[in-house]
Amino acid sequence: MITYNEIKHNEAINTYIKKADESLKALGFTEHSFAHVGLVSSRAEYILSTLGFDQHQIELVKIASYLHDIGNIVNRREHSQSGAVMAFRILDNLNMDPQDIATIVTAIGNHDEGTGEAVNPVAAALIIADKSDVRRTRVRNQDFSTFDIHDRVNYSVIETKLQINEDKSQISLDLSIDTKISPVMDYFEIFLNRMLMCKKAAKALGLEFKLIINGQALM
């Protein structure tokens, strides 16, 4: 089996991730480079391992998470589908098992909130891990006076915790937000669809999704 470690150290893959992020930077998007895909991989691993999935499935979700945004090198629009096609070609050339390729490609192709669905556990974990990555360090703009709403919301987040409870019935995204920088309603304005997608993905994993901001449960 092709491992996550091999994918993570593949020079061509890392070039695609870097160049895709450069395109998003030029368009004014927040960081989507190695910090993002590394965090998504770690959170997706946490979700499936906590729920008792086997190591094989965990390895697949880590690979899918690392590759999930490479489609941005083609275009931001429909990047999940173009990324899935790119991942297929990469993994096929690495002689990965077709069953594993299918799982990874399906997850990548379904991670975007426009068209994605939690069609399998790997896709569900990827969705939650990806959509929960909101943090100050994703903001590239250094001029606070020119922040757009995405900059303000991400910059306002002081701390983020993604946690599954002890009886494995609930997954919560717990955010600490500086409301002097961005009101809570701004978060919902730009991330509501993502949170609803997380809710559906959690349900597919047998979990209830909770969004907690500054100690108050909002979903």
C-alpha atoms as a PDB file:
ATOM      1  CA  MET A   1       0.000   0.000   0.000  1.00  0.00           C
ATOM      2  CA  ILE A   2       1.121   3.542  -0.756  1.00  0.00           C
ATOM      3  CA  THR A   3       1.522   5.304   2.584  1.00  0.00           C
ATOM      4  CA  TYR A   4       0.734   8.799   3.783  1.00  0.00           C
ATOM      5  CA  ASN A   5       4.413   9.322   4.519  1.00  0.00           C
ATOM      6  CA  GLU A   6       5.307   8.552   0.890  1.00  0.00           C
ATOM      7  CA  ILE A   7       2.648  10.969  -0.361  1.00  0.00           C
ATOM      8  CA  LYS A   8       3.769  13.677   2.056  1.00  0.00           C
ATOM      9  CA  HIS A   9       7.346  13.467   0.781  1.00  0.00           C
ATOM     10  CA  ASN A  10       6.516  13.195  -2.913  1.00  0.00           C
ATOM     11  CA  GLU A  11       8.238  16.117  -4.667  1.00  0.00           C
ATOM     12  CA  ALA A  12       5.697  16.437  -7.478  1.00  0.00           C
ATOM     13  CA  ILE A  13       2.718  16.417  -5.107  1.00  0.00           C
ATOM     14  CA  ASN A  14       4.315  19.064  -2.919  1.00  0.00           C
ATOM     15  CA  THR A  15       4.949  21.200  -5.986  1.00  0.00           C
ATOM     16  CA  TYR A  16       1.250  21.013  -6.907  1.00  0.00           C
ATOM     17  CA  ILE A  17       0.206  21.968  -3.374  1.00  0.00           C
ATOM     18  CA  LYS A  18       2.613  24.898  -3.333  1.00  0.00           C
ATOM     19  CA  LYS A  19       1.598  26.177  -6.769  1.00  0.00           C
ATOM     20  CA  ALA A  20      -2.113  25.768  -6.033  1.00  0.00           C
ATOM     21  CA  ASP A  21      -1.691  27.876  -2.909  1.00  0.00           C
ATOM     22  CA  GLU A  22       0.202  30.510  -4.886  1.00  0.00           C
ATOM     23  CA  SER A  23      -2.790  30.812  -7.206  1.00  0.00           C
ATOM     24  CA  LEU A  24      -5.143  31.253  -4.255  1.00  0.00           C
ATOM     25  CA  LYS A  25      -2.826  33.829  -2.728  1.00  0.00           C
ATOM     26  CA  ALA A  26      -2.984  35.828  -5.961  1.00  0.00           C
ATOM     27  CA  LEU A  27      -6.788  35.683  -5.757  1.00  0.00           C
ATOM     28  CA  GLY A  28      -6.814  36.905  -2.148  1.00  0.00           C
ATOM     29  CA  PHE A  29      -7.750  33.633  -0.455  1.00  0.00           C
ATOM     30  CA  THR A  30      -6.534  32.520   2.956  1.00  0.00           C
ATOM     31  CA  GLU A  31      -3.711  29.987   3.324  1.00  0.00           C
ATOM     32  CA  HIS A  32      -4.304  26.592   1.690  1.00  0.00           C
ATOM     33  CA  SER A  33      -0.747  25.266   1.759  1.00  0.00           C
ATOM     34  CA  PHE A  34       1.119  22.726   3.898  1.00  0.00           C
ATOM     35  CA  ALA A  35      -0.150  24.068   7.220  1.00  0.00           C
ATOM     36  CA  HIS A  36      -3.739  23.597   6.042  1.00  0.00           C
ATOM     37  CA  VAL A  37      -3.408  20.146   4.501  1.00  0.00           C
ATOM     38  CA  GLY A  38      -1.307  18.968   7.443  1.00  0.00           C
ATOM     39  CA  LEU A  39      -3.901  20.131   9.948  1.00  0.00           C
ATOM     40  CA  VAL A  40      -6.740  18.605   7.927  1.00  0.00           C
ATOM     41  CA  SER A  41      -4.860  15.291   7.755  1.00  0.00           C
ATOM     42  CA  SER A  42      -4.302  15.331  11.508  1.00  0.00           C
ATOM     43  CA  ARG A  43      -7.932  16.143  12.320  1.00  0.00           C
ATOM     44  CA  ALA A  44      -9.298  13.571   9.879  1.00  0.00           C
ATOM     45  CA  GLU A  45      -7.013  10.961  11.429  1.00  0.00           C
ATOM     46  CA  TYR A  46      -8.287  11.947  14.886  1.00  0.00           C
ATOM     47  CA  ILE A  47     -11.910  11.548  13.811  1.00  0.00           C
ATOM     48  CA  LEU A  48     -11.601   8.073  12.300  1.00  0.00           C
ATOM     49  CA  SER A  49      -9.181   6.733  14.912  1.00  0.00           C
ATOM     50  CA  THR A  50     -11.407   7.927  17.777  1.00  0.00           C
ATOM     51  CA  LEU A  51     -14.397   6.246  16.150  1.00  0.00           C
ATOM     52  CA  GLY A  52     -12.514   2.955  15.903  1.00  0.00           C
ATOM     53  CA  PHE A  53     -11.846   2.719  12.175  1.00  0.00           C
ATOM     54  CA  ASP A  54      -8.974   0.477  11.138  1.00  0.00           C
ATOM     55  CA  GLN A  55      -5.508   1.740  10.274  1.00  0.00           C
ATOM     56  CA  HIS A  56      -6.086   1.212   6.560  1.00  0.00           C
ATOM     57  CA  GLN A  57      -9.035   3.622   6.490  1.00  0.00           C
ATOM     58  CA  ILE A  58      -7.076   6.084   8.610  1.00  0.00           C
ATOM     59  CA  GLU A  59      -4.189   5.987   6.139  1.00  0.00           C
ATOM     60  CA  LEU A  60      -6.600   6.636   3.265  1.00  0.00           C
ATOM     61  CA  VAL A  61      -8.196   9.650   4.951  1.00  0.00           C
ATOM     62  CA  LYS A  62      -4.778  11.137   5.668  1.00  0.00           C
ATOM     63  CA  ILE A  63      -3.798  10.772   2.010  1.00  0.00           C
ATOM     64  CA  ALA A  64      -7.104  12.224   0.809  1.00  0.00           C
ATOM     65  CA  SER A  65      -6.687  15.142   3.210  1.00  0.00           C
ATOM     66  CA  TYR A  66      -3.163  15.886   2.029  1.00  0.00           C
ATOM     67  CA  LEU A  67      -4.258  15.879  -1.632  1.00  0.00           C
ATOM     68  CA  HIS A  68      -7.697  17.474  -1.278  1.00  0.00           C
ATOM     69  CA  ASP A  69      -6.850  20.996  -2.484  1.00  0.00           C
ATOM     70  CA  ILE A  70      -4.465  20.303  -5.378  1.00  0.00           C
ATOM     71  CA  GLY A  71      -7.261  21.073  -7.842  1.00  0.00           C
ATOM     72  CA  ASN A  72      -6.816  24.759  -7.040  1.00  0.00           C
ATOM     73  CA  ILE A  73      -3.844  24.649  -9.404  1.00  0.00           C
ATOM     74  CA  VAL A  74      -6.391  24.305 -12.231  1.00  0.00           C
ATOM     75  CA  ASN A  75      -9.029  26.757 -10.989  1.00  0.00           C
ATOM     76  CA  ARG A  76     -10.767  27.601  -7.730  1.00  0.00           C
ATOM     77  CA  ARG A  77     -14.118  26.788  -9.313  1.00  0.00           C
ATOM     78  CA  GLU A  78     -14.902  23.076  -9.106  1.00  0.00           C
ATOM     79  CA  HIS A  79     -11.473  22.464  -7.575  1.00  0.00           C
ATOM     80  CA  SER A  80     -12.735  19.364  -5.784  1.00  0.00           C
ATOM     81  CA  GLN A  81     -13.544  17.646  -9.078  1.00  0.00           C
ATOM     82  CA  SER A  82     -10.341  18.687 -10.836  1.00  0.00           C
ATOM     83  CA  GLY A  83      -8.401  17.703  -7.727  1.00  0.00           C
ATOM     84  CA  ALA A  84     -10.037  14.287  -7.736  1.00  0.00           C
ATOM     85  CA  VAL A  85      -8.972  13.747 -11.353  1.00  0.00           C
ATOM     86  CA  MET A  86      -5.428  14.850 -10.547  1.00  0.00           C
ATOM     87  CA  ALA A  87      -5.324  12.553  -7.514  1.00  0.00           C
ATOM     88  CA  PHE A  88      -6.511   9.632  -9.631  1.00  0.00           C
ATOM     89  CA  ARG A  89      -3.677  10.137 -12.105  1.00  0.00           C
ATOM     90  CA  ILE A  90      -1.059  10.549  -9.365  1.00  0.00           C
ATOM     91  CA  LEU A  91      -2.151   7.519  -7.359  1.00  0.00           C
ATOM     92  CA  ASP A  92      -2.666   5.332 -10.428  1.00  0.00           C
ATOM     93  CA  ASN A  93       0.870   6.139 -11.564  1.00  0.00           C
ATOM     94  CA  LEU A  94       2.075   5.116  -8.106  1.00  0.00           C
ATOM     95  CA  ASN A  95       0.312   1.753  -8.591  1.00  0.00           C
ATOM     96  CA  MET A  96      -2.053   2.185  -5.684  1.00  0.00           C
ATOM     97  CA  ASP A  97      -4.797  -0.406  -5.347  1.00  0.00           C
ATOM     98  CA  PRO A  98      -7.892   0.642  -7.379  1.00  0.00           C
ATOM     99  CA  GLN A  99     -10.169   0.188  -4.359  1.00  0.00           C
ATOM    100  CA  ASP A 100      -8.070   2.640  -2.373  1.00  0.00           C
ATOM    101  CA  ILE A 101      -7.848   5.085  -5.272  1.00  0.00           C
ATOM    102  CA  ALA A 102     -11.632   5.015  -5.594  1.00  0.00           C
ATOM    103  CA  THR A 103     -12.110   5.828  -1.905  1.00  0.00           C
ATOM    104  CA  ILE A 104      -9.643   8.725  -1.978  1.00  0.00           C
ATOM    105  CA  VAL A 105     -10.883  10.182  -5.269  1.00  0.00           C
ATOM    106  CA  THR A 106     -14.494  10.021  -4.066  1.00  0.00           C
ATOM    107  CA  ALA A 107     -13.596  11.831  -0.847  1.00  0.00           C
ATOM    108  CA  ILE A 108     -11.683  14.590  -2.638  1.00  0.00           C
ATOM    109  CA  GLY A 109     -14.419  15.033  -5.224  1.00  0.00           C
ATOM    110  CA  ASN A 110     -17.008  15.451  -2.462  1.00  0.00           C
ATOM    111  CA  HIS A 111     -15.266  17.826  -0.039  1.00  0.00           C
ATOM    112  CA  ASP A 112     -16.478  21.150  -1.463  1.00  0.00           C
ATOM    113  CA  GLU A 113     -19.611  22.708   0.041  1.00  0.00           C
ATOM    114  CA  GLY A 114     -21.050  23.526  -3.377  1.00  0.00           C
ATOM    115  CA  THR A 115     -21.551  19.946  -4.545  1.00  0.00           C
ATOM    116  CA  GLY A 116     -20.017  17.619  -1.957  1.00  0.00           C
ATOM    117  CA  GLU A 117     -21.708  14.887   0.069  1.00  0.00           C
ATOM    118  CA  ALA A 118     -20.437  12.600   2.837  1.00  0.00           C
ATOM    119  CA  VAL A 119     -20.733   9.489   0.689  1.00  0.00           C
ATOM    120  CA  ASN A 120     -18.338   7.373   2.760  1.00  0.00           C
ATOM    121  CA  PRO A 121     -16.524   7.663   6.121  1.00  0.00           C
ATOM    122  CA  VAL A 122     -13.342   9.003   4.516  1.00  0.00           C
ATOM    123  CA  ALA A 123     -15.309  11.749   2.766  1.00  0.00           C
ATOM    124  CA  ALA A 124     -17.194  12.576   5.973  1.00  0.00           C
ATOM    125  CA  ALA A 125     -14.023  12.896   8.055  1.00  0.00           C
ATOM    126  CA  LEU A 126     -12.339  15.003   5.346  1.00  0.00           C
ATOM    127  CA  ILE A 127     -15.312  17.375   5.187  1.00  0.00           C
ATOM    128  CA  ILE A 128     -15.342  18.003   8.938  1.00  0.00           C
ATOM    129  CA  ALA A 129     -11.561  18.343   9.181  1.00  0.00           C
ATOM    130  CA  ASP A 130     -11.407  20.747   6.250  1.00  0.00           C
ATOM    131  CA  LYS A 131     -14.355  22.968   7.168  1.00  0.00           C
ATOM    132  CA  SER A 132     -13.244  23.275  10.794  1.00  0.00           C
ATOM    133  CA  ASP A 133      -9.903  24.877   9.893  1.00  0.00           C
ATOM    134  CA  VAL A 134     -10.528  28.494  10.855  1.00  0.00           C
ATOM    135  CA  ARG A 135      -7.586  30.255  12.507  1.00  0.00           C
ATOM    136  CA  ARG A 136      -5.689  33.524  12.621  1.00  0.00           C
ATOM    137  CA  THR A 137      -2.586  32.122  10.937  1.00  0.00           C
ATOM    138  CA  ARG A 138      -4.513  31.479   7.715  1.00  0.00           C
ATOM    139  CA  VAL A 139      -4.761  35.235   7.097  1.00  0.00           C
ATOM    140  CA  ARG A 140      -2.098  36.512   4.686  1.00  0.00           C
ATOM    141  CA  ASN A 141      -3.106  40.181   4.567  1.00  0.00           C
ATOM    142  CA  GLN A 142      -0.961  42.208   6.961  1.00  0.00           C
ATOM    143  CA  ASP A 143      -2.991  45.414   6.619  1.00  0.00           C
ATOM    144  CA  PHE A 144      -5.914  45.228   9.032  1.00  0.00           C
ATOM    145  CA  SER A 145      -7.557  48.271   7.436  1.00  0.00           C
ATOM    146  CA  THR A 146      -8.035  46.335   4.189  1.00  0.00           C
ATOM    147  CA  PHE A 147      -9.345  43.078   5.721  1.00  0.00           C
ATOM    148  CA  ASP A 148     -12.353  41.574   3.980  1.00  0.00           C
ATOM    149  CA  ILE A 149     -14.901  39.506   5.903  1.00  0.00           C
ATOM    150  CA  HIS A 150     -12.920  36.272   5.478  1.00  0.00           C
ATOM    151  CA  ASP A 151      -9.790  37.936   6.863  1.00  0.00           C
ATOM    152  CA  ARG A 152     -11.693  39.392   9.811  1.00  0.00           C
ATOM    153  CA  VAL A 153     -13.412  36.140  10.731  1.00  0.00           C
ATOM    154  CA  ASN A 154     -10.267  34.022  10.534  1.00  0.00           C
ATOM    155  CA  TYR A 155      -8.167  36.633  12.331  1.00  0.00           C
ATOM    156  CA  SER A 156     -10.733  36.911  15.126  1.00  0.00           C
ATOM    157  CA  VAL A 157     -10.393  33.231  16.072  1.00  0.00           C
ATOM    158  CA  ILE A 158      -8.170  32.951  19.130  1.00  0.00           C
ATOM    159  CA  GLU A 159      -8.521  29.191  19.668  1.00  0.00           C
ATOM    160  CA  THR A 160     -10.133  26.242  17.897  1.00  0.00           C
ATOM    161  CA  LYS A 161     -10.895  22.798  19.330  1.00  0.00           C
ATOM    162  CA  LEU A 162     -12.425  19.861  17.480  1.00  0.00           C
ATOM    163  CA  GLN A 163     -13.431  17.146  19.912  1.00  0.00           C
ATOM    164  CA  ILE A 164     -15.466  13.933  20.043  1.00  0.00           C
ATOM    165  CA  ASN A 165     -17.128  13.269  23.405  1.00  0.00           C
ATOM    166  CA  GLU A 166     -16.466  10.189  25.548  1.00  0.00           C
ATOM    167  CA  ASP A 167     -19.472   8.148  24.429  1.00  0.00           C
ATOM    168  CA  LYS A 168     -18.715   8.977  20.784  1.00  0.00           C
ATOM    169  CA  SER A 169     -22.141  10.473  20.131  1.00  0.00           C
ATOM    170  CA  GLN A 170     -21.122  14.066  19.446  1.00  0.00           C
ATOM    171  CA  ILE A 171     -18.370  16.037  17.705  1.00  0.00           C
ATOM    172  CA  SER A 172     -18.001  19.678  18.656  1.00  0.00           C
ATOM    173  CA  LEU A 173     -16.194  22.581  17.032  1.00  0.00           C
ATOM    174  CA  ASP A 174     -15.409  24.949  19.889  1.00  0.00           C
ATOM    175  CA  LEU A 175     -14.213  28.424  18.871  1.00  0.00           C
ATOM    176  CA  SER A 176     -12.983  31.331  20.934  1.00  0.00           C
ATOM    177  CA  ILE A 177     -13.613  34.507  18.928  1.00  0.00           C
ATOM    178  CA  ASP A 178     -12.559  38.097  19.624  1.00  0.00           C
ATOM    179  CA  THR A 179     -15.847  39.866  18.878  1.00  0.00           C
ATOM    180  CA  LYS A 180     -14.040  43.220  18.768  1.00  0.00           C
ATOM    181  CA  ILE A 181     -12.465  42.038  15.528  1.00  0.00           C
ATOM    182  CA  SER A 182     -15.449  40.206  14.063  1.00  0.00           C
ATOM    183  CA  PRO A 183     -18.991  39.658  15.363  1.00  0.00           C
ATOM    184  CA  VAL A 184     -20.287  36.104  15.578  1.00  0.00           C
ATOM    185  CA  MET A 185     -22.830  36.824  12.832  1.00  0.00           C
ATOM    186  CA  ASP A 186     -19.992  37.405  10.361  1.00  0.00           C
ATOM    187  CA  TYR A 187     -18.883  33.823  10.997  1.00  0.00           C
ATOM    188  CA  PHE A 188     -22.334  32.545  10.086  1.00  0.00           C
ATOM    189  CA  GLU A 189     -22.514  34.786   7.039  1.00  0.00           C
ATOM    190  CA  ILE A 190     -19.559  33.122   5.369  1.00  0.00           C
ATOM    191  CA  PHE A 191     -19.441  29.690   7.033  1.00  0.00           C
ATOM    192  CA  LEU A 192     -23.069  28.638   7.529  1.00  0.00           C
ATOM    193  CA  ASN A 193     -23.071  26.318   4.506  1.00  0.00           C
ATOM    194  CA  ARG A 194     -19.844  24.743   5.726  1.00  0.00           C
ATOM    195  CA  MET A 195     -21.281  24.150   9.183  1.00  0.00           C
ATOM    196  CA  LEU A 196     -24.409  22.567   7.701  1.00  0.00           C
ATOM    197  CA  MET A 197     -22.150  20.329   5.623  1.00  0.00           C
ATOM    198  CA  CYS A 198     -20.276  19.350   8.797  1.00  0.00           C
ATOM    199  CA  LYS A 199     -23.601  18.522  10.423  1.00  0.00           C
ATOM    200  CA  LYS A 200     -24.499  16.137   7.593  1.00  0.00           C
ATOM    201  CA  ALA A 201     -21.007  14.623   7.583  1.00  0.00           C
ATOM    202  CA  ALA A 202     -21.159  14.039  11.329  1.00  0.00           C
ATOM    203  CA  LYS A 203     -24.529  12.321  10.945  1.00  0.00           C
ATOM    204  CA  ALA A 204     -23.008   9.998   8.330  1.00  0.00           C
ATOM    205  CA  LEU A 205     -20.469   8.973  11.001  1.00  0.00           C
ATOM    206  CA  GLY A 206     -23.174   8.435  13.612  1.00  0.00           C
ATOM    207  CA  LEU A 207     -22.398  11.695  15.405  1.00  0.00           C
ATOM    208  CA  GLU A 208     -24.233  14.881  16.288  1.00  0.00           C
ATOM    209  CA  PHE A 209     -22.388  18.062  15.265  1.00  0.00           C
ATOM    210  CA  LYS A 210     -22.208  20.961  17.710  1.00  0.00           C
ATOM    211  CA  LEU A 211     -20.833  24.435  17.020  1.00  0.00           C
ATOM    212  CA  ILE A 212     -19.819  26.293  20.161  1.00  0.00           C
ATOM    213  CA  ILE A 213     -18.640  29.902  19.996  1.00  0.00           C
ATOM    214  CA  ASN A 214     -17.388  31.670  23.129  1.00  0.00           C
ATOM    215  CA  GLY A 215     -18.983  29.008  25.298  1.00  0.00           C
ATOM    216  CA  GLN A 216     -22.437  29.183  23.706  1.00  0.00           C
ATOM    217  CA  ALA A 217     -23.827  26.298  21.640  1.00  0.00           C
ATOM    218  CA  LEU A 218     -25.147  27.740  18.375  1.00  0.00           C
ATOM    219  CA  MET A 219     -25.799  24.541  16.393  1.00  0.00           C
END
